[in-house]
PDB file of all heavy atoms in Angstrom:
ATOM      1  N   ASN A   1       0.835  -1.197   0.000  1.00  0.00           N
ATOM      2  CA  ASN A   1       0.000   0.000   0.000  1.00  0.00           C
ATOM      3  C   ASN A   1       0.871   1.249   0.000  1.00  0.00           C
ATOM      4  O   ASN A   1       2.094   1.168   0.140  1.00  0.00           O
ATOM      5  CB  ASN A   1      -0.983  -0.003   1.174  1.00  0.00           C
ATOM      6  CG  ASN A   1      -0.286   0.033   2.521  1.00  0.00           C
ATOM      7  OD1 ASN A   1       0.534   0.920   2.798  1.00  0.00           O
ATOM      8  ND2 ASN A   1      -0.622  -0.913   3.401  1.00  0.00           N
ATOM      9  N   LEU A   2       0.237   2.395  -0.140  1.00  0.00           N
ATOM     10  CA  LEU A   2       0.949   3.666  -0.232  1.00  0.00           C
ATOM     11  C   LEU A   2       0.920   4.449   1.080  1.00  0.00           C
ATOM     12  O   LEU A   2       1.266   5.623   1.104  1.00  0.00           O
ATOM     13  CB  LEU A   2       0.340   4.535  -1.341  1.00  0.00           C
ATOM     14  CG  LEU A   2       0.383   3.986  -2.765  1.00  0.00           C
ATOM     15  CD1 LEU A   2      -0.307   4.952  -3.724  1.00  0.00           C
ATOM     16  CD2 LEU A   2       1.811   3.728  -3.208  1.00  0.00           C
ATOM     17  N   SER A   3       0.526   3.806   2.155  1.00  0.00           N
ATOM     18  CA  SER A   3       0.372   4.507   3.424  1.00  0.00           C
ATOM     19  C   SER A   3       1.692   4.621   4.177  1.00  0.00           C
ATOM     20  O   SER A   3       2.490   3.683   4.198  1.00  0.00           O
ATOM     21  CB  SER A   3      -0.653   3.790   4.306  1.00  0.00           C
ATOM     22  OG  SER A   3      -1.917   3.773   3.672  1.00  0.00           O
ATOM     23  N   PHE A   4       1.894   5.771   4.816  1.00  0.00           N
ATOM     24  CA  PHE A   4       3.026   5.960   5.710  1.00  0.00           C
ATOM     25  C   PHE A   4       2.628   5.694   7.156  1.00  0.00           C
ATOM     26  O   PHE A   4       3.431   5.243   7.951  1.00  0.00           O
ATOM     27  CB  PHE A   4       3.570   7.384   5.573  1.00  0.00           C
ATOM     28  CG  PHE A   4       4.724   7.670   6.497  1.00  0.00           C
ATOM     29  CD1 PHE A   4       5.966   7.086   6.270  1.00  0.00           C
ATOM     30  CD2 PHE A   4       4.572   8.494   7.599  1.00  0.00           C
ATOM     31  CE1 PHE A   4       7.033   7.326   7.132  1.00  0.00           C
ATOM     32  CE2 PHE A   4       5.627   8.749   8.453  1.00  0.00           C
ATOM     33  CZ  PHE A   4       6.860   8.164   8.220  1.00  0.00           C
ATOM     34  N   ARG A   5       1.389   5.986   7.509  1.00  0.00           N
ATOM     35  CA  ARG A   5       0.857   5.844   8.872  1.00  0.00           C
ATOM     36  C   ARG A   5       1.699   6.682   9.842  1.00  0.00           C
ATOM     37  O   ARG A   5       2.409   6.173  10.705  1.00  0.00           O
ATOM     38  CB  ARG A   5       0.822   4.380   9.289  1.00  0.00           C
ATOM     39  CG  ARG A   5      -0.073   3.510   8.404  1.00  0.00           C
ATOM     40  CD  ARG A   5      -0.143   2.071   8.891  1.00  0.00           C
ATOM     41  NE  ARG A   5      -0.843   1.976  10.158  1.00  0.00           N
ATOM     42  CZ  ARG A   5      -0.376   1.335  11.227  1.00  0.00           C
ATOM     43  NH1 ARG A   5       0.814   0.764  11.193  1.00  0.00           N
ATOM     44  NH2 ARG A   5      -1.074   1.286  12.342  1.00  0.00           N
ATOM     45  N   PRO A   6       1.618   7.994   9.722  1.00  0.00           N
ATOM     46  CA  PRO A   6       2.508   8.873  10.485  1.00  0.00           C
ATOM     47  C   PRO A   6       2.364   8.781  11.994  1.00  0.00           C
ATOM     48  O   PRO A   6       3.330   9.059  12.722  1.00  0.00           O
ATOM     49  CB  PRO A   6       2.133  10.270   9.977  1.00  0.00           C
ATOM     50  CG  PRO A   6       0.767  10.120   9.384  1.00  0.00           C
ATOM     51  CD  PRO A   6       0.721   8.743   8.831  1.00  0.00           C
ATOM     52  N   PHE A   7       1.201   8.378  12.492  1.00  0.00           N
ATOM     53  CA  PHE A   7       0.990   8.353  13.940  1.00  0.00           C
ATOM     54  C   PHE A   7       1.154   6.957  14.543  1.00  0.00           C
ATOM     55  O   PHE A   7       0.972   6.776  15.747  1.00  0.00           O
ATOM     56  CB  PHE A   7      -0.401   8.910  14.281  1.00  0.00           C
ATOM     57  CG  PHE A   7      -0.563  10.350  13.883  1.00  0.00           C
ATOM     58  CD1 PHE A   7      -1.279  10.690  12.741  1.00  0.00           C
ATOM     59  CD2 PHE A   7       0.009  11.368  14.633  1.00  0.00           C
ATOM     60  CE1 PHE A   7      -1.425  12.019  12.362  1.00  0.00           C
ATOM     61  CE2 PHE A   7      -0.134  12.700  14.266  1.00  0.00           C
ATOM     62  CZ  PHE A   7      -0.850  13.025  13.128  1.00  0.00           C
ATOM     63  N   ALA A   8       1.502   5.987  13.702  1.00  0.00           N
ATOM     64  CA  ALA A   8       1.686   4.619  14.207  1.00  0.00           C
ATOM     65  C   ALA A   8       2.970   4.530  15.035  1.00  0.00           C
ATOM     66  O   ALA A   8       3.914   5.293  14.849  1.00  0.00           O
ATOM     67  CB  ALA A   8       1.738   3.637  13.044  1.00  0.00           C
ATOM     68  N   THR A   9       2.989   3.559  15.945  1.00  0.00           N
ATOM     69  CA  THR A   9       4.196   3.340  16.749  1.00  0.00           C
ATOM     70  C   THR A   9       5.256   2.626  15.905  1.00  0.00           C
ATOM     71  O   THR A   9       4.986   2.140  14.809  1.00  0.00           O
ATOM     72  CB  THR A   9       3.875   2.507  17.994  1.00  0.00           C
ATOM     73  OG1 THR A   9       3.292   1.254  17.586  1.00  0.00           O
ATOM     74  CG2 THR A   9       2.908   3.246  18.913  1.00  0.00           C
ATOM     75  N   VAL A  10       6.464   2.567  16.455  1.00  0.00           N
ATOM     76  CA  VAL A  10       7.605   2.029  15.723  1.00  0.00           C
ATOM     77  C   VAL A  10       8.274   0.945  16.557  1.00  0.00           C
ATOM     78  O   VAL A  10       8.527   1.140  17.758  1.00  0.00           O
ATOM     79  CB  VAL A  10       8.643   3.140  15.417  1.00  0.00           C
ATOM     80  CG1 VAL A  10       9.716   2.605  14.484  1.00  0.00           C
ATOM     81  CG2 VAL A  10       7.968   4.363  14.819  1.00  0.00           C
ATOM     82  N   SER A  11       8.561  -0.179  15.941  1.00  0.00           N
ATOM     83  CA  SER A  11       9.222  -1.264  16.669  1.00  0.00           C
ATOM     84  C   SER A  11      10.718  -1.003  16.779  1.00  0.00           C
ATOM     85  O   SER A  11      11.309  -0.232  16.019  1.00  0.00           O
ATOM     86  CB  SER A  11       8.983  -2.597  15.958  1.00  0.00           C
ATOM     87  OG  SER A  11       9.747  -2.666  14.765  1.00  0.00           O
ATOM     88  N   ARG A  12      11.329  -1.683  17.740  1.00  0.00           N
ATOM     89  CA  ARG A  12      12.778  -1.557  17.927  1.00  0.00           C
ATOM     90  C   ARG A  12      13.533  -2.058  16.691  1.00  0.00           C
ATOM     91  O   ARG A  12      14.582  -1.507  16.335  1.00  0.00           O
ATOM     92  CB  ARG A  12      13.203  -2.348  19.153  1.00  0.00           C
ATOM     93  CG  ARG A  12      12.646  -1.803  20.463  1.00  0.00           C
ATOM     94  CD  ARG A  12      13.123  -2.627  21.637  1.00  0.00           C
ATOM     95  NE  ARG A  12      12.729  -2.004  22.899  1.00  0.00           N
ATOM     96  CZ  ARG A  12      13.281  -2.301  24.064  1.00  0.00           C
ATOM     97  NH1 ARG A  12      14.249  -3.204  24.120  1.00  0.00           N
ATOM     98  NH2 ARG A  12      12.874  -1.704  25.158  1.00  0.00           N
ATOM     99  N   ALA A  13      13.019  -3.093  16.053  1.00  0.00           N
ATOM    100  CA  ALA A  13      13.683  -3.632  14.869  1.00  0.00           C
ATOM    101  C   ALA A  13      13.699  -2.613  13.744  1.00  0.00           C
ATOM    102  O   ALA A  13      14.700  -2.446  13.038  1.00  0.00           O
ATOM    103  CB  ALA A  13      12.988  -4.909  14.415  1.00  0.00           C
ATOM    104  N   VAL A  14      12.572  -1.904  13.561  1.00  0.00           N
ATOM    105  CA  VAL A  14      12.502  -0.878  12.519  1.00  0.00           C
ATOM    106  C   VAL A  14      13.494   0.238  12.809  1.00  0.00           C
ATOM    107  O   VAL A  14      14.210   0.712  11.914  1.00  0.00           O
ATOM    108  CB  VAL A  14      11.064  -0.324  12.403  1.00  0.00           C
ATOM    109  CG1 VAL A  14      11.044   0.948  11.560  1.00  0.00           C
ATOM    110  CG2 VAL A  14      10.132  -1.361  11.805  1.00  0.00           C
ATOM    111  N   VAL A  15      13.570   0.657  14.070  1.00  0.00           N
ATOM    112  CA  VAL A  15      14.501   1.726  14.441  1.00  0.00           C
ATOM    113  C   VAL A  15      15.945   1.282  14.219  1.00  0.00           C
ATOM    114  O   VAL A  15      16.772   2.036  13.698  1.00  0.00           O
ATOM    115  CB  VAL A  15      14.280   2.152  15.901  1.00  0.00           C
ATOM    116  CG1 VAL A  15      15.401   3.089  16.367  1.00  0.00           C
ATOM    117  CG2 VAL A  15      12.930   2.837  16.054  1.00  0.00           C
ATOM    118  N   ALA A  16      16.262   0.053  14.595  1.00  0.00           N
ATOM    119  CA  ALA A  16      17.625  -0.451  14.409  1.00  0.00           C
ATOM    120  C   ALA A  16      18.012  -0.435  12.936  1.00  0.00           C
ATOM    121  O   ALA A  16      19.103   0.020  12.560  1.00  0.00           O
ATOM    122  CB  ALA A  16      17.736  -1.863  14.971  1.00  0.00           C
ATOM    123  N   THR A  17      17.114  -0.905  12.102  1.00  0.00           N
ATOM    124  CA  THR A  17      17.396  -0.942  10.664  1.00  0.00           C
ATOM    125  C   THR A  17      17.552   0.462  10.092  1.00  0.00           C
ATOM    126  O   THR A  17      18.466   0.739   9.311  1.00  0.00           O
ATOM    127  CB  THR A  17      16.263  -1.687   9.928  1.00  0.00           C
ATOM    128  OG1 THR A  17      16.141  -3.001  10.479  1.00  0.00           O
ATOM    129  CG2 THR A  17      16.556  -1.793   8.448  1.00  0.00           C
ATOM    130  N   ALA A  18      16.644   1.366  10.486  1.00  0.00           N
ATOM    131  CA  ALA A  18      16.713   2.734   9.983  1.00  0.00           C
ATOM    132  C   ALA A  18      17.999   3.418  10.430  1.00  0.00           C
ATOM    133  O   ALA A  18      18.645   4.125   9.648  1.00  0.00           O
ATOM    134  CB  ALA A  18      15.499   3.526  10.460  1.00  0.00           C
ATOM    135  N   LEU A  19      18.394   3.215  11.671  1.00  0.00           N
ATOM    136  CA  LEU A  19      19.593   3.873  12.186  1.00  0.00           C
ATOM    137  C   LEU A  19      20.851   3.366  11.486  1.00  0.00           C
ATOM    138  O   LEU A  19      21.752   4.144  11.145  1.00  0.00           O
ATOM    139  CB  LEU A  19      19.692   3.656  13.697  1.00  0.00           C
ATOM    140  CG  LEU A  19      20.694   4.526  14.454  1.00  0.00           C
ATOM    141  CD1 LEU A  19      20.430   6.000  14.214  1.00  0.00           C
ATOM    142  CD2 LEU A  19      20.638   4.215  15.943  1.00  0.00           C
ATOM    143  N   ILE A  20      20.917   2.071  11.249  1.00  0.00           N
ATOM    144  CA  ILE A  20      22.068   1.516  10.524  1.00  0.00           C
ATOM    145  C   ILE A  20      22.131   2.083   9.109  1.00  0.00           C
ATOM    146  O   ILE A  20      23.199   2.438   8.604  1.00  0.00           O
ATOM    147  CB  ILE A  20      21.972  -0.030  10.482  1.00  0.00           C
ATOM    148  CG1 ILE A  20      22.125  -0.607  11.879  1.00  0.00           C
ATOM    149  CG2 ILE A  20      23.038  -0.605   9.550  1.00  0.00           C
ATOM    150  CD1 ILE A  20      23.371  -0.165  12.610  1.00  0.00           C
ATOM    151  N   ASN A  21      20.967   2.207   8.470  1.00  0.00           N
ATOM    152  CA  ASN A  21      20.935   2.733   7.103  1.00  0.00           C
ATOM    153  C   ASN A  21      21.299   4.208   7.045  1.00  0.00           C
ATOM    154  O   ASN A  21      21.995   4.651   6.132  1.00  0.00           O
ATOM    155  CB  ASN A  21      19.551   2.506   6.490  1.00  0.00           C
ATOM    156  CG  ASN A  21      19.293   1.052   6.159  1.00  0.00           C
ATOM    157  OD1 ASN A  21      20.235   0.279   5.968  1.00  0.00           O
ATOM    158  ND2 ASN A  21      18.031   0.670   6.096  1.00  0.00           N
ATOM    159  N   VAL A  22      20.820   4.985   8.010  1.00  0.00           N
ATOM    160  CA  VAL A  22      21.109   6.410   7.972  1.00  0.00           C
ATOM    161  C   VAL A  22      22.575   6.691   8.271  1.00  0.00           C
ATOM    162  O   VAL A  22      23.174   7.628   7.732  1.00  0.00           O
ATOM    163  CB  VAL A  22      20.176   7.188   8.933  1.00  0.00           C
ATOM    164  CG1 VAL A  22      20.613   7.058  10.376  1.00  0.00           C
ATOM    165  CG2 VAL A  22      20.099   8.649   8.546  1.00  0.00           C
ATOM    166  N   LEU A  23      23.179   5.851   9.109  1.00  0.00           N
ATOM    167  CA  LEU A  23      24.591   6.039   9.459  1.00  0.00           C
ATOM    168  C   LEU A  23      25.537   5.342   8.486  1.00  0.00           C
ATOM    169  O   LEU A  23      26.746   5.581   8.508  1.00  0.00           O
ATOM    170  CB  LEU A  23      24.847   5.521  10.875  1.00  0.00           C
ATOM    171  CG  LEU A  23      24.157   6.287  12.008  1.00  0.00           C
ATOM    172  CD1 LEU A  23      24.347   5.562  13.331  1.00  0.00           C
ATOM    173  CD2 LEU A  23      24.674   7.709  12.089  1.00  0.00           C
ATOM    174  N   LYS A  24      24.977   4.432   7.682  1.00  0.00           N
ATOM    175  CA  LYS A  24      25.775   3.625   6.754  1.00  0.00           C
ATOM    176  C   LYS A  24      26.897   2.886   7.480  1.00  0.00           C
ATOM    177  O   LYS A  24      28.066   2.897   7.064  1.00  0.00           O
ATOM    178  CB  LYS A  24      26.335   4.489   5.621  1.00  0.00           C
ATOM    179  CG  LYS A  24      25.267   4.940   4.639  1.00  0.00           C
ATOM    180  CD  LYS A  24      25.852   5.354   3.313  1.00  0.00           C
ATOM    181  CE  LYS A  24      24.734   5.543   2.279  1.00  0.00           C
ATOM    182  NZ  LYS A  24      25.234   5.981   0.970  1.00  0.00           N
ATOM    183  N   LEU A  25      26.538   2.240   8.566  1.00  0.00           N
ATOM    184  CA  LEU A  25      27.518   1.471   9.334  1.00  0.00           C
ATOM    185  C   LEU A  25      27.766   0.131   8.659  1.00  0.00           C
ATOM    186  O   LEU A  25      26.839  -0.487   8.122  1.00  0.00           O
ATOM    187  CB  LEU A  25      27.007   1.231  10.759  1.00  0.00           C
ATOM    188  CG  LEU A  25      26.839   2.475  11.639  1.00  0.00           C
ATOM    189  CD1 LEU A  25      26.204   2.079  12.967  1.00  0.00           C
ATOM    190  CD2 LEU A  25      28.174   3.154  11.866  1.00  0.00           C
ATOM    191  N   PRO A  26      29.002  -0.338   8.660  1.00  0.00           N
ATOM    192  CA  PRO A  26      29.267  -1.688   8.136  1.00  0.00           C
ATOM    193  C   PRO A  26      28.536  -2.719   8.980  1.00  0.00           C
ATOM    194  O   PRO A  26      28.565  -2.672  10.205  1.00  0.00           O
ATOM    195  CB  PRO A  26      30.788  -1.817   8.260  1.00  0.00           C
ATOM    196  CG  PRO A  26      31.182  -0.819   9.293  1.00  0.00           C
ATOM    197  CD  PRO A  26      30.219   0.324   9.180  1.00  0.00           C
ATOM    198  N   LYS A  27      27.872  -3.642   8.304  1.00  0.00           N
ATOM    199  CA  LYS A  27      27.017  -4.587   9.024  1.00  0.00           C
ATOM    200  C   LYS A  27      27.821  -5.679   9.707  1.00  0.00           C
ATOM    201  O   LYS A  27      28.845  -6.138   9.213  1.00  0.00           O
ATOM    202  CB  LYS A  27      25.991  -5.201   8.064  1.00  0.00           C
ATOM    203  CG  LYS A  27      24.940  -4.200   7.610  1.00  0.00           C
ATOM    204  CD  LYS A  27      23.859  -4.846   6.767  1.00  0.00           C
ATOM    205  CE  LYS A  27      22.802  -3.822   6.363  1.00  0.00           C
ATOM    206  NZ  LYS A  27      21.736  -4.415   5.538  1.00  0.00           N
ATOM    207  N   SER A  28      27.309  -6.080  10.855  1.00  0.00           N
ATOM    208  CA  SER A  28      27.893  -7.183  11.616  1.00  0.00           C
ATOM    209  C   SER A  28      26.876  -8.312  11.668  1.00  0.00           C
ATOM    210  O   SER A  28      25.703  -8.083  11.967  1.00  0.00           O
ATOM    211  CB  SER A  28      28.242  -6.721  13.035  1.00  0.00           C
ATOM    212  OG  SER A  28      28.703  -7.797  13.810  1.00  0.00           O
TER     213      SER A  28
END
């Protein structure tokens, strides 16, 4: 779908993935 769901909560897994991507850290 095309929804962002701006007010939905965020899981720890989603945050971890987003943070690694934004920082471009080498994966372990």
